Amino acid sequence: MSGIGIFGGTFDPIHLGHLRAAEEVREAEEVDEMWLVPAALPPHKEGERLAGVADRLRMVELAVAGVPGFRVSRLELERPGASYSVDTLRTVRAQVGAATRLVFVLGRDAFRDFHLWKEHAAIFALADVVVVTRPPAPARLGADEIPLAAREAFWYDSGSGVFHHQSGHVLKLQHITALDISAARVRASVAAGRSIRFLVPPPVEAYIAEHQLYREEDARR
């Protein structure tokens, strides 16, 4: 395969913003598959009340069922302990071998806290990293946005706006369609009895209603 995209998240619940971002990266980076990887225990949400693992996984499965180029990975759900991206990437790399290109996808807000992630500098040596952002964000990443521990390992190509890592991988910014949708907004809408139609895929909307998820969103805050 020419490449695999890795797009992780809590997906509580998965929504059209997630899916559109994944699709635009899949197309732009020309990867054969985009793997959606639900987190079991996201470290950055420690102490927060989340929908159950089985519910979040099932919603992701429903969202991409039959969609070409998309696959749901249970890697983080089957591994005990906190869901660290560096561990996931190492596992995938061991599975697919050194020759397969990996593209790790994350949002710009998450990238701002990247220096807090476990072994964050090692991630740049395991995969290409694509940071997705919506307008009106700046057109390019700045060198000062790269975590200090990893900064010296990069050089900048001013023509393409891409940072090249000494491992051969790249770091780049990709602008995506500006869909103002968040999982928090979806949950709050359900709790308030408002429609979530066109915010999530229809099968996800039906699953949330059938299983009465997010009815007590206010109590989770």
N, C-alpha and C. Protein backbone atom coordinates (compact mmCIF):
# COMPACT_ATOMS: atom_id res chain seq x y z
N MET A 1 0.84 -1.19 0.00
CA MET A 1 0.00 0.00 0.00
C MET A 1 0.88 1.24 0.00
N SER A 2 0.40 2.29 -0.67
CA SER A 2 1.19 3.50 -0.74
C SER A 2 1.10 4.34 0.53
N GLY A 3 0.14 4.06 1.37
CA GLY A 3 0.08 4.83 2.60
C GLY A 3 -1.16 4.57 3.42
N ILE A 4 -1.03 4.81 4.72
CA ILE A 4 -2.14 4.67 5.66
C ILE A 4 -2.21 5.94 6.49
N GLY A 5 -3.39 6.52 6.59
CA GLY A 5 -3.61 7.64 7.47
C GLY A 5 -4.09 7.16 8.82
N ILE A 6 -3.61 7.76 9.88
CA ILE A 6 -4.00 7.42 11.25
C ILE A 6 -4.67 8.64 11.88
N PHE A 7 -5.95 8.53 12.14
CA PHE A 7 -6.72 9.64 12.69
C PHE A 7 -7.39 9.16 13.98
N GLY A 8 -6.81 9.51 15.10
CA GLY A 8 -7.34 9.08 16.39
C GLY A 8 -8.21 10.13 17.03
N GLY A 9 -8.96 9.71 18.02
CA GLY A 9 -9.79 10.66 18.75
C GLY A 9 -10.69 9.95 19.74
N THR A 10 -11.30 10.74 20.59
CA THR A 10 -12.26 10.19 21.53
C THR A 10 -13.54 9.80 20.80
N PHE A 11 -13.91 10.60 19.79
CA PHE A 11 -15.11 10.35 18.98
C PHE A 11 -16.32 10.14 19.89
N ASP A 12 -16.64 11.21 20.66
CA ASP A 12 -17.69 11.13 21.68
C ASP A 12 -18.75 12.20 21.45
N PRO A 13 -19.52 12.13 20.34
CA PRO A 13 -19.51 11.11 19.30
C PRO A 13 -18.74 11.58 18.07
N ILE A 14 -18.52 10.66 17.13
CA ILE A 14 -17.97 11.04 15.84
C ILE A 14 -19.00 11.90 15.11
N HIS A 15 -18.53 12.90 14.36
CA HIS A 15 -19.46 13.79 13.66
C HIS A 15 -18.92 14.11 12.26
N LEU A 16 -19.67 14.90 11.52
CA LEU A 16 -19.31 15.16 10.13
C LEU A 16 -18.04 15.97 10.00
N GLY A 17 -17.71 16.76 11.01
CA GLY A 17 -16.44 17.49 10.98
C GLY A 17 -15.26 16.53 11.00
N HIS A 18 -15.31 15.51 11.86
CA HIS A 18 -14.27 14.49 11.87
C HIS A 18 -14.14 13.83 10.50
N LEU A 19 -15.28 13.43 9.96
CA LEU A 19 -15.27 12.64 8.73
C LEU A 19 -14.80 13.46 7.54
N ARG A 20 -15.21 14.71 7.48
CA ARG A 20 -14.78 15.55 6.36
C ARG A 20 -13.28 15.81 6.43
N ALA A 21 -12.76 16.05 7.63
CA ALA A 21 -11.32 16.26 7.79
C ALA A 21 -10.55 15.02 7.35
N ALA A 22 -11.02 13.85 7.78
CA ALA A 22 -10.35 12.61 7.41
C ALA A 22 -10.38 12.40 5.90
N GLU A 23 -11.50 12.69 5.28
CA GLU A 23 -11.62 12.52 3.83
C GLU A 23 -10.71 13.48 3.07
N GLU A 24 -10.62 14.72 3.51
CA GLU A 24 -9.78 15.68 2.80
C GLU A 24 -8.31 15.34 2.94
N VAL A 25 -7.89 14.85 4.09
CA VAL A 25 -6.50 14.42 4.24
C VAL A 25 -6.24 13.16 3.41
N ARG A 26 -7.18 12.23 3.43
CA ARG A 26 -7.02 11.01 2.63
C ARG A 26 -6.80 11.33 1.17
N GLU A 27 -7.58 12.28 0.68
CA GLU A 27 -7.47 12.66 -0.73
C GLU A 27 -6.19 13.44 -1.01
N ALA A 28 -5.89 14.41 -0.16
CA ALA A 28 -4.71 15.25 -0.40
C ALA A 28 -3.41 14.46 -0.28
N GLU A 29 -3.36 13.55 0.68
CA GLU A 29 -2.13 12.78 0.90
C GLU A 29 -2.09 11.49 0.09
N GLU A 30 -3.18 11.20 -0.61
CA GLU A 30 -3.26 10.04 -1.50
C GLU A 30 -2.93 8.73 -0.78
N VAL A 31 -3.45 8.61 0.44
CA VAL A 31 -3.27 7.35 1.17
C VAL A 31 -4.35 6.37 0.74
N ASP A 32 -4.03 5.09 0.81
CA ASP A 32 -4.98 4.06 0.41
C ASP A 32 -6.10 3.90 1.42
N GLU A 33 -5.75 4.03 2.69
CA GLU A 33 -6.74 3.86 3.75
C GLU A 33 -6.56 4.93 4.82
N MET A 34 -7.69 5.35 5.37
CA MET A 34 -7.67 6.21 6.54
C MET A 34 -8.21 5.38 7.70
N TRP A 35 -7.36 5.16 8.71
CA TRP A 35 -7.76 4.40 9.88
C TRP A 35 -8.28 5.35 10.94
N LEU A 36 -9.52 5.16 11.37
CA LEU A 36 -10.07 5.90 12.49
C LEU A 36 -9.82 5.08 13.75
N VAL A 37 -9.17 5.69 14.73
CA VAL A 37 -8.71 4.95 15.90
C VAL A 37 -9.34 5.54 17.16
N PRO A 38 -10.47 4.98 17.62
CA PRO A 38 -11.07 5.48 18.86
C PRO A 38 -10.15 5.23 20.06
N ALA A 39 -10.02 6.23 20.91
CA ALA A 39 -9.19 6.10 22.10
C ALA A 39 -9.99 5.45 23.23
N ALA A 40 -9.34 4.54 23.94
CA ALA A 40 -9.99 3.93 25.10
C ALA A 40 -9.94 4.87 26.30
N LEU A 41 -8.72 5.29 26.66
CA LEU A 41 -8.51 6.18 27.80
C LEU A 41 -7.64 7.35 27.34
N PRO A 42 -8.23 8.39 26.75
CA PRO A 42 -7.43 9.51 26.28
C PRO A 42 -6.80 10.26 27.45
N PRO A 43 -5.47 10.39 27.48
CA PRO A 43 -4.79 11.02 28.63
C PRO A 43 -5.24 12.46 28.87
N HIS A 44 -5.54 13.20 27.79
CA HIS A 44 -5.91 14.60 27.94
C HIS A 44 -7.32 14.79 28.46
N LYS A 45 -8.07 13.69 28.59
CA LYS A 45 -9.44 13.78 29.11
C LYS A 45 -9.60 12.95 30.38
N GLU A 46 -8.49 12.77 31.06
CA GLU A 46 -8.52 11.99 32.30
C GLU A 46 -9.47 12.64 33.30
N GLY A 47 -10.33 11.85 33.87
CA GLY A 47 -11.29 12.36 34.85
C GLY A 47 -12.61 12.80 34.25
N GLU A 48 -12.67 12.94 32.93
CA GLU A 48 -13.92 13.31 32.29
C GLU A 48 -14.79 12.08 32.10
N ARG A 49 -16.08 12.29 32.15
CA ARG A 49 -17.01 11.20 31.92
C ARG A 49 -17.28 11.08 30.42
N LEU A 50 -17.00 9.91 29.87
CA LEU A 50 -17.17 9.67 28.45
C LEU A 50 -18.24 8.62 28.22
N ALA A 51 -18.80 8.61 27.02
CA ALA A 51 -19.66 7.50 26.65
C ALA A 51 -18.82 6.22 26.67
N GLY A 52 -19.46 5.09 26.86
CA GLY A 52 -18.73 3.84 26.96
C GLY A 52 -17.93 3.52 25.70
N VAL A 53 -16.87 2.77 25.88
CA VAL A 53 -16.00 2.39 24.77
C VAL A 53 -16.80 1.70 23.67
N ALA A 54 -17.66 0.76 24.06
CA ALA A 54 -18.44 0.02 23.07
C ALA A 54 -19.35 0.94 22.26
N ASP A 55 -19.94 1.94 22.92
CA ASP A 55 -20.81 2.89 22.22
C ASP A 55 -20.01 3.75 21.25
N ARG A 56 -18.88 4.26 21.70
CA ARG A 56 -18.08 5.13 20.83
C ARG A 56 -17.54 4.36 19.63
N LEU A 57 -17.10 3.13 19.87
CA LEU A 57 -16.62 2.30 18.77
C LEU A 57 -17.74 2.02 17.78
N ARG A 58 -18.90 1.66 18.28
CA ARG A 58 -20.00 1.32 17.38
C ARG A 58 -20.42 2.52 16.54
N MET A 59 -20.41 3.71 17.11
CA MET A 59 -20.78 4.90 16.34
C MET A 59 -19.79 5.16 15.21
N VAL A 60 -18.50 4.93 15.48
CA VAL A 60 -17.50 5.10 14.42
C VAL A 60 -17.72 4.06 13.33
N GLU A 61 -17.99 2.83 13.73
CA GLU A 61 -18.24 1.77 12.75
C GLU A 61 -19.45 2.11 11.88
N LEU A 62 -20.52 2.60 12.50
CA LEU A 62 -21.71 2.97 11.74
C LEU A 62 -21.43 4.14 10.79
N ALA A 63 -20.61 5.07 11.24
CA ALA A 63 -20.34 6.27 10.45
C ALA A 63 -19.62 5.96 9.14
N VAL A 64 -18.76 4.94 9.15
CA VAL A 64 -17.94 4.67 7.95
C VAL A 64 -18.28 3.34 7.29
N ALA A 65 -19.34 2.69 7.73
CA ALA A 65 -19.72 1.40 7.14
C ALA A 65 -19.93 1.55 5.64
N GLY A 66 -19.20 0.76 4.87
CA GLY A 66 -19.35 0.78 3.43
C GLY A 66 -18.67 1.94 2.73
N VAL A 67 -17.92 2.77 3.47
CA VAL A 67 -17.25 3.92 2.86
C VAL A 67 -15.88 3.48 2.35
N PRO A 68 -15.62 3.56 1.04
CA PRO A 68 -14.32 3.14 0.52
C PRO A 68 -13.18 3.97 1.11
N GLY A 69 -12.08 3.30 1.42
CA GLY A 69 -10.90 3.99 1.92
C GLY A 69 -10.89 4.27 3.40
N PHE A 70 -11.94 3.85 4.13
CA PHE A 70 -12.00 4.08 5.57
C PHE A 70 -12.02 2.74 6.31
N ARG A 71 -11.32 2.71 7.43
CA ARG A 71 -11.26 1.50 8.25
C ARG A 71 -11.26 1.92 9.72
N VAL A 72 -11.92 1.14 10.55
CA VAL A 72 -11.92 1.40 11.98
C VAL A 72 -10.91 0.47 12.64
N SER A 73 -10.02 1.04 13.44
CA SER A 73 -9.00 0.25 14.14
C SER A 73 -9.31 0.20 15.63
N ARG A 74 -9.20 -1.01 16.20
CA ARG A 74 -9.44 -1.20 17.63
C ARG A 74 -8.14 -1.22 18.43
N LEU A 75 -7.06 -0.78 17.84
CA LEU A 75 -5.75 -0.89 18.49
C LEU A 75 -5.74 -0.33 19.90
N GLU A 76 -6.27 0.86 20.07
CA GLU A 76 -6.20 1.51 21.39
C GLU A 76 -7.23 0.94 22.35
N LEU A 77 -8.27 0.32 21.81
CA LEU A 77 -9.29 -0.27 22.67
C LEU A 77 -8.83 -1.62 23.21
N GLU A 78 -7.97 -2.28 22.46
CA GLU A 78 -7.49 -3.61 22.87
C GLU A 78 -6.22 -3.54 23.71
N ARG A 79 -5.63 -2.36 23.80
CA ARG A 79 -4.40 -2.21 24.57
C ARG A 79 -4.74 -1.66 25.96
N PRO A 80 -4.24 -2.26 27.02
CA PRO A 80 -4.55 -1.76 28.37
C PRO A 80 -3.86 -0.43 28.64
N GLY A 81 -4.41 0.32 29.57
CA GLY A 81 -3.80 1.57 29.97
C GLY A 81 -4.22 2.74 29.10
N ALA A 82 -3.57 3.87 29.33
CA ALA A 82 -3.89 5.09 28.59
C ALA A 82 -3.57 4.94 27.11
N SER A 83 -4.32 5.67 26.28
CA SER A 83 -4.17 5.58 24.83
C SER A 83 -3.18 6.62 24.34
N TYR A 84 -1.92 6.22 24.21
CA TYR A 84 -0.88 7.14 23.75
C TYR A 84 -0.62 6.93 22.27
N SER A 85 -0.59 8.03 21.52
CA SER A 85 -0.42 7.95 20.07
C SER A 85 0.91 7.33 19.66
N VAL A 86 1.96 7.61 20.42
CA VAL A 86 3.26 7.06 20.06
C VAL A 86 3.23 5.54 20.13
N ASP A 87 2.50 4.97 21.09
CA ASP A 87 2.39 3.52 21.18
C ASP A 87 1.60 2.95 20.00
N THR A 88 0.56 3.68 19.62
CA THR A 88 -0.25 3.24 18.48
C THR A 88 0.57 3.25 17.20
N LEU A 89 1.31 4.30 16.97
CA LEU A 89 2.12 4.40 15.76
C LEU A 89 3.21 3.33 15.73
N ARG A 90 3.79 3.04 16.86
CA ARG A 90 4.80 1.97 16.90
C ARG A 90 4.18 0.62 16.57
N THR A 91 2.97 0.39 17.07
CA THR A 91 2.29 -0.86 16.78
C THR A 91 1.96 -0.99 15.30
N VAL A 92 1.42 0.09 14.73
CA VAL A 92 1.09 0.07 13.31
C VAL A 92 2.36 -0.11 12.47
N ARG A 93 3.41 0.61 12.82
CA ARG A 93 4.67 0.49 12.08
C ARG A 93 5.18 -0.95 12.12
N ALA A 94 5.07 -1.61 13.25
CA ALA A 94 5.51 -3.00 13.35
C ALA A 94 4.65 -3.91 12.49
N GLN A 95 3.38 -3.57 12.34
CA GLN A 95 2.47 -4.39 11.56
C GLN A 95 2.69 -4.24 10.06
N VAL A 96 2.90 -3.01 9.61
CA VAL A 96 2.93 -2.76 8.17
C VAL A 96 4.34 -2.70 7.59
N GLY A 97 5.35 -2.61 8.46
CA GLY A 97 6.72 -2.57 7.99
C GLY A 97 7.23 -1.16 7.70
N ALA A 98 8.52 -1.08 7.49
CA ALA A 98 9.17 0.22 7.32
C ALA A 98 8.86 0.89 5.99
N ALA A 99 8.47 0.11 4.99
CA ALA A 99 8.29 0.67 3.65
C ALA A 99 6.95 1.39 3.47
N THR A 100 5.98 1.10 4.32
CA THR A 100 4.66 1.70 4.17
C THR A 100 4.63 3.09 4.79
N ARG A 101 4.16 4.03 4.04
CA ARG A 101 4.05 5.40 4.54
C ARG A 101 2.91 5.51 5.53
N LEU A 102 3.17 6.15 6.67
CA LEU A 102 2.14 6.44 7.66
C LEU A 102 1.96 7.95 7.74
N VAL A 103 0.71 8.37 7.81
CA VAL A 103 0.38 9.79 7.93
C VAL A 103 -0.46 9.96 9.19
N PHE A 104 0.09 10.64 10.17
CA PHE A 104 -0.61 10.86 11.43
C PHE A 104 -1.32 12.21 11.37
N VAL A 105 -2.61 12.22 11.68
CA VAL A 105 -3.45 13.40 11.52
C VAL A 105 -3.90 13.90 12.88
N LEU A 106 -3.77 15.20 13.11
CA LEU A 106 -4.30 15.80 14.33
C LEU A 106 -4.69 17.24 14.06
N GLY A 107 -5.53 17.76 14.93
CA GLY A 107 -5.98 19.14 14.78
C GLY A 107 -4.96 20.14 15.31
N ARG A 108 -5.11 21.38 14.89
CA ARG A 108 -4.14 22.40 15.30
C ARG A 108 -4.21 22.67 16.80
N ASP A 109 -5.41 22.62 17.37
CA ASP A 109 -5.52 22.81 18.82
C ASP A 109 -4.74 21.75 19.56
N ALA A 110 -4.85 20.50 19.10
CA ALA A 110 -4.09 19.42 19.73
C ALA A 110 -2.59 19.62 19.54
N PHE A 111 -2.21 20.15 18.38
CA PHE A 111 -0.78 20.33 18.10
C PHE A 111 -0.17 21.40 19.01
N ARG A 112 -0.98 22.34 19.44
CA ARG A 112 -0.48 23.36 20.36
C ARG A 112 -0.04 22.75 21.69
N ASP A 113 -0.65 21.63 22.05
CA ASP A 113 -0.29 20.94 23.29
C ASP A 113 0.60 19.72 23.03
N PHE A 114 1.15 19.64 21.83
CA PHE A 114 1.90 18.45 21.43
C PHE A 114 3.10 18.20 22.34
N HIS A 115 3.66 19.27 22.87
CA HIS A 115 4.83 19.12 23.74
C HIS A 115 4.50 18.37 25.03
N LEU A 116 3.22 18.25 25.35
CA LEU A 116 2.79 17.54 26.56
C LEU A 116 2.54 16.05 26.29
N TRP A 117 2.57 15.65 25.04
CA TRP A 117 2.27 14.27 24.69
C TRP A 117 3.45 13.36 25.03
N LYS A 118 3.14 12.12 25.32
CA LYS A 118 4.17 11.13 25.62
C LYS A 118 5.10 10.95 24.42
N GLU A 119 6.40 11.10 24.65
CA GLU A 119 7.43 10.90 23.63
C GLU A 119 7.07 11.57 22.31
N HIS A 120 6.65 12.82 22.40
CA HIS A 120 6.15 13.51 21.21
C HIS A 120 7.21 13.63 20.11
N ALA A 121 8.47 13.80 20.50
CA ALA A 121 9.52 13.94 19.50
C ALA A 121 9.67 12.66 18.67
N ALA A 122 9.38 11.51 19.28
CA ALA A 122 9.50 10.23 18.57
C ALA A 122 8.44 10.08 17.50
N ILE A 123 7.31 10.74 17.65
CA ILE A 123 6.23 10.62 16.67
C ILE A 123 6.68 11.11 15.30
N PHE A 124 7.47 12.18 15.27
CA PHE A 124 7.93 12.72 13.99
C PHE A 124 8.83 11.75 13.24
N ALA A 125 9.46 10.82 13.96
CA ALA A 125 10.33 9.82 13.33
C ALA A 125 9.57 8.58 12.91
N LEU A 126 8.30 8.48 13.29
CA LEU A 126 7.49 7.31 12.97
C LEU A 126 6.55 7.52 11.79
N ALA A 127 6.19 8.77 11.51
CA ALA A 127 5.18 9.03 10.49
C ALA A 127 5.27 10.48 10.01
N ASP A 128 4.73 10.72 8.83
CA ASP A 128 4.46 12.09 8.43
C ASP A 128 3.36 12.63 9.35
N VAL A 129 3.41 13.91 9.65
CA VAL A 129 2.41 14.51 10.53
C VAL A 129 1.69 15.61 9.76
N VAL A 130 0.38 15.49 9.68
CA VAL A 130 -0.45 16.50 9.03
C VAL A 130 -1.33 17.16 10.08
N VAL A 131 -1.16 18.46 10.24
CA VAL A 131 -1.95 19.25 11.18
C VAL A 131 -3.08 19.90 10.40
N VAL A 132 -4.32 19.58 10.77
CA VAL A 132 -5.45 20.14 10.04
C VAL A 132 -5.99 21.36 10.78
N THR A 133 -6.42 22.33 10.00
CA THR A 133 -6.95 23.56 10.58
C THR A 133 -7.99 24.15 9.65
N ARG A 134 -8.84 24.99 10.21
CA ARG A 134 -9.89 25.61 9.43
C ARG A 134 -9.61 27.10 9.30
N PRO A 135 -10.08 27.72 8.21
CA PRO A 135 -9.95 29.18 8.09
C PRO A 135 -10.59 29.85 9.29
N PRO A 136 -10.09 31.01 9.71
CA PRO A 136 -9.05 31.83 9.09
C PRO A 136 -7.67 31.62 9.69
N ALA A 137 -7.29 30.42 9.98
CA ALA A 137 -5.98 30.14 10.57
C ALA A 137 -4.87 30.56 9.61
N PRO A 138 -3.67 30.85 10.12
CA PRO A 138 -2.54 31.20 9.25
C PRO A 138 -2.28 30.13 8.19
N ALA A 139 -1.72 30.55 7.08
CA ALA A 139 -1.54 29.66 5.94
C ALA A 139 -0.52 28.57 6.20
N ARG A 140 0.46 28.84 7.08
CA ARG A 140 1.54 27.88 7.28
C ARG A 140 1.88 27.76 8.75
N LEU A 141 2.50 26.65 9.09
CA LEU A 141 3.02 26.46 10.44
C LEU A 141 4.29 27.29 10.61
N GLY A 142 4.49 27.79 11.80
CA GLY A 142 5.73 28.47 12.12
C GLY A 142 6.67 27.53 12.86
N ALA A 143 7.97 27.78 12.70
CA ALA A 143 8.95 26.92 13.37
C ALA A 143 8.76 26.93 14.88
N ASP A 144 8.28 28.07 15.41
CA ASP A 144 8.09 28.16 16.85
C ASP A 144 6.92 27.32 17.35
N GLU A 145 6.12 26.76 16.43
CA GLU A 145 5.03 25.88 16.82
C GLU A 145 5.48 24.44 17.00
N ILE A 146 6.67 24.11 16.51
CA ILE A 146 7.21 22.77 16.68
C ILE A 146 7.77 22.67 18.10
N PRO A 147 7.43 21.61 18.82
CA PRO A 147 7.96 21.47 20.19
C PRO A 147 9.47 21.61 20.22
N LEU A 148 9.96 22.30 21.24
CA LEU A 148 11.38 22.61 21.33
C LEU A 148 12.26 21.37 21.27
N ALA A 149 11.80 20.28 21.88
CA ALA A 149 12.61 19.06 21.93
C ALA A 149 12.83 18.46 20.55
N ALA A 150 11.98 18.82 19.58
CA ALA A 150 12.09 18.24 18.24
C ALA A 150 12.53 19.25 17.18
N ARG A 151 12.59 20.51 17.55
CA ARG A 151 12.75 21.57 16.55
C ARG A 151 14.04 21.45 15.73
N GLU A 152 15.12 21.10 16.37
CA GLU A 152 16.40 21.04 15.66
C GLU A 152 16.47 19.90 14.66
N ALA A 153 15.52 18.97 14.72
CA ALA A 153 15.52 17.83 13.80
C ALA A 153 14.86 18.17 12.47
N PHE A 154 14.33 19.40 12.32
CA PHE A 154 13.62 19.80 11.11
C PHE A 154 14.38 20.84 10.30
N TRP A 155 14.13 20.82 9.00
CA TRP A 155 14.51 21.96 8.16
C TRP A 155 13.30 22.33 7.32
N TYR A 156 13.21 23.61 6.97
CA TYR A 156 12.01 24.16 6.34
C TYR A 156 12.22 24.38 4.85
N ASP A 157 11.25 23.91 4.07
CA ASP A 157 11.24 24.15 2.64
C ASP A 157 10.29 25.31 2.37
N SER A 158 10.83 26.48 2.10
CA SER A 158 10.00 27.68 1.94
C SER A 158 9.11 27.60 0.71
N GLY A 159 9.51 26.82 -0.29
CA GLY A 159 8.71 26.71 -1.50
C GLY A 159 7.40 25.98 -1.27
N SER A 160 7.45 24.91 -0.51
CA SER A 160 6.26 24.10 -0.27
C SER A 160 5.59 24.40 1.06
N GLY A 161 6.29 25.08 1.96
CA GLY A 161 5.76 25.33 3.29
C GLY A 161 5.74 24.10 4.16
N VAL A 162 6.61 23.14 3.84
CA VAL A 162 6.66 21.87 4.55
C VAL A 162 7.95 21.78 5.36
N PHE A 163 7.84 21.26 6.58
CA PHE A 163 9.02 20.99 7.40
C PHE A 163 9.45 19.54 7.16
N HIS A 164 10.74 19.35 6.91
CA HIS A 164 11.30 18.02 6.69
C HIS A 164 12.06 17.58 7.93
N HIS A 165 11.78 16.36 8.38
CA HIS A 165 12.42 15.81 9.56
C HIS A 165 13.64 15.00 9.14
N GLN A 166 14.62 14.92 10.01
CA GLN A 166 15.85 14.19 9.70
C GLN A 166 15.60 12.71 9.41
N SER A 167 14.47 12.18 9.85
CA SER A 167 14.12 10.79 9.58
C SER A 167 13.64 10.57 8.15
N GLY A 168 13.33 11.68 7.45
CA GLY A 168 12.75 11.59 6.12
C GLY A 168 11.26 11.88 6.10
N HIS A 169 10.64 11.94 7.26
CA HIS A 169 9.22 12.28 7.34
C HIS A 169 9.03 13.79 7.25
N VAL A 170 7.77 14.20 7.10
CA VAL A 170 7.47 15.62 6.95
C VAL A 170 6.40 16.04 7.96
N LEU A 171 6.37 17.34 8.19
CA LEU A 171 5.34 17.99 9.02
C LEU A 171 4.72 19.08 8.17
N LYS A 172 3.41 19.06 8.04
CA LYS A 172 2.76 20.06 7.20
C LYS A 172 1.41 20.46 7.78
N LEU A 173 0.92 21.59 7.30
CA LEU A 173 -0.39 22.10 7.67
C LEU A 173 -1.34 21.89 6.50
N GLN A 174 -2.56 21.45 6.79
CA GLN A 174 -3.57 21.33 5.74
C GLN A 174 -4.84 22.03 6.17
N HIS A 175 -5.28 22.96 5.34
CA HIS A 175 -6.54 23.64 5.59
C HIS A 175 -7.69 22.75 5.13
N ILE A 176 -8.70 22.66 5.95
CA ILE A 176 -9.86 21.83 5.63
C ILE A 176 -11.12 22.69 5.62
N THR A 177 -12.19 22.12 5.11
CA THR A 177 -13.46 22.84 5.04
C THR A 177 -13.91 23.27 6.43
N ALA A 178 -14.35 24.50 6.53
CA ALA A 178 -14.71 25.07 7.83
C ALA A 178 -16.11 24.64 8.25
N LEU A 179 -16.19 23.47 8.86
CA LEU A 179 -17.45 22.99 9.44
C LEU A 179 -17.40 23.23 10.94
N ASP A 180 -18.24 24.12 11.41
CA ASP A 180 -18.22 24.48 12.83
C ASP A 180 -19.04 23.47 13.63
N ILE A 181 -18.47 22.27 13.74
CA ILE A 181 -19.13 21.18 14.47
C ILE A 181 -18.15 20.64 15.50
N SER A 182 -18.63 20.38 16.69
CA SER A 182 -17.80 19.77 17.72
C SER A 182 -18.60 18.70 18.43
N ALA A 183 -17.90 17.74 19.02
CA ALA A 183 -18.58 16.71 19.79
C ALA A 183 -19.32 17.32 20.98
N ALA A 184 -18.72 18.34 21.60
CA ALA A 184 -19.37 19.01 22.73
C ALA A 184 -20.70 19.63 22.31
N ARG A 185 -20.72 20.22 21.11
CA ARG A 185 -21.96 20.82 20.62
C ARG A 185 -23.01 19.75 20.39
N VAL A 186 -22.61 18.62 19.83
CA VAL A 186 -23.56 17.53 19.59
C VAL A 186 -24.15 17.04 20.90
N ARG A 187 -23.28 16.82 21.88
CA ARG A 187 -23.76 16.32 23.18
C ARG A 187 -24.71 17.33 23.83
N ALA A 188 -24.34 18.59 23.78
CA ALA A 188 -25.18 19.62 24.40
C ALA A 188 -26.53 19.72 23.71
N SER A 189 -26.53 19.56 22.39
CA SER A 189 -27.80 19.61 21.65
C SER A 189 -28.71 18.46 22.06
N VAL A 190 -28.13 17.25 22.20
CA VAL A 190 -28.93 16.10 22.62
C VAL A 190 -29.50 16.34 24.01
N ALA A 191 -28.66 16.83 24.91
CA ALA A 191 -29.10 17.06 26.28
C ALA A 191 -30.23 18.09 26.35
N ALA A 192 -30.19 19.05 25.43
CA ALA A 192 -31.21 20.10 25.42
C ALA A 192 -32.43 19.72 24.59
N GLY A 193 -32.41 18.53 24.00
CA GLY A 193 -33.54 18.10 23.21
C GLY A 193 -33.60 18.71 21.82
N ARG A 194 -32.46 19.24 21.35
CA ARG A 194 -32.42 19.84 20.01
C ARG A 194 -31.94 18.82 18.98
N SER A 195 -32.22 19.11 17.74
CA SER A 195 -31.87 18.21 16.64
C SER A 195 -30.36 18.18 16.42
N ILE A 196 -29.85 16.98 16.10
CA ILE A 196 -28.45 16.84 15.68
C ILE A 196 -28.38 16.36 14.23
N ARG A 197 -29.50 16.44 13.55
CA ARG A 197 -29.52 16.08 12.13
C ARG A 197 -28.55 16.96 11.35
N PHE A 198 -27.79 16.35 10.47
CA PHE A 198 -26.78 17.02 9.64
C PHE A 198 -25.54 17.44 10.41
N LEU A 199 -25.47 17.07 11.70
CA LEU A 199 -24.22 17.25 12.46
C LEU A 199 -23.46 15.93 12.54
N VAL A 200 -24.21 14.84 12.53
CA VAL A 200 -23.64 13.49 12.58
C VAL A 200 -24.27 12.67 11.46
N PRO A 201 -23.64 11.56 11.04
CA PRO A 201 -24.27 10.70 10.04
C PRO A 201 -25.59 10.14 10.57
N PRO A 202 -26.58 9.92 9.69
CA PRO A 202 -27.87 9.41 10.15
C PRO A 202 -27.79 8.15 11.02
N PRO A 203 -26.93 7.16 10.69
CA PRO A 203 -26.87 5.99 11.58
C PRO A 203 -26.39 6.32 12.99
N VAL A 204 -25.52 7.32 13.10
CA VAL A 204 -25.03 7.74 14.42
C VAL A 204 -26.14 8.46 15.17
N GLU A 205 -26.88 9.30 14.47
CA GLU A 205 -28.02 9.98 15.08
C GLU A 205 -29.02 8.96 15.64
N ALA A 206 -29.29 7.92 14.85
CA ALA A 206 -30.24 6.90 15.28
C ALA A 206 -29.71 6.11 16.47
N TYR A 207 -28.40 5.84 16.47
CA TYR A 207 -27.80 5.08 17.57
C TYR A 207 -27.87 5.87 18.87
N ILE A 208 -27.58 7.16 18.80
CA ILE A 208 -27.63 8.01 19.99
C ILE A 208 -29.04 8.03 20.57
N ALA A 209 -30.04 8.13 19.68
CA ALA A 209 -31.43 8.15 20.15
C ALA A 209 -31.84 6.81 20.74
N GLU A 210 -31.47 5.73 20.06
CA GLU A 210 -31.88 4.39 20.51
C GLU A 210 -31.27 4.05 21.86
N HIS A 211 -30.01 4.46 22.07
CA HIS A 211 -29.31 4.10 23.30
C HIS A 211 -29.35 5.22 24.35
N GLN A 212 -30.08 6.29 24.01
CA GLN A 212 -30.30 7.40 24.93
C GLN A 212 -28.97 7.96 25.48
N LEU A 213 -28.03 8.14 24.58
CA LEU A 213 -26.74 8.71 24.98
C LEU A 213 -26.85 10.23 25.12
N TYR A 214 -26.02 10.76 25.99
CA TYR A 214 -25.84 12.21 26.17
C TYR A 214 -27.07 12.93 26.69
N ARG A 215 -28.01 12.20 27.27
CA ARG A 215 -29.21 12.85 27.81
C ARG A 215 -28.88 13.68 29.05
N GLU A 216 -27.80 13.35 29.71
CA GLU A 216 -27.43 14.05 30.94
C GLU A 216 -26.11 14.78 30.76
N GLU A 217 -25.97 15.47 29.65
CA GLU A 217 -24.72 16.16 29.35
C GLU A 217 -24.35 17.18 30.41
N ASP A 218 -25.33 17.90 30.94
CA ASP A 218 -25.02 18.93 31.94
C ASP A 218 -24.34 18.33 33.17
N ALA A 219 -24.71 17.10 33.50
CA ALA A 219 -24.14 16.46 34.67
C ALA A 219 -22.69 16.04 34.46
N ARG A 220 -22.25 16.01 33.19
CA ARG A 220 -20.89 15.58 32.88
C ARG A 220 -19.88 16.72 33.01
N ARG A 221 -20.34 17.95 33.08
CA ARG A 221 -19.43 19.09 33.06
C ARG A 221 -18.91 19.39 34.46
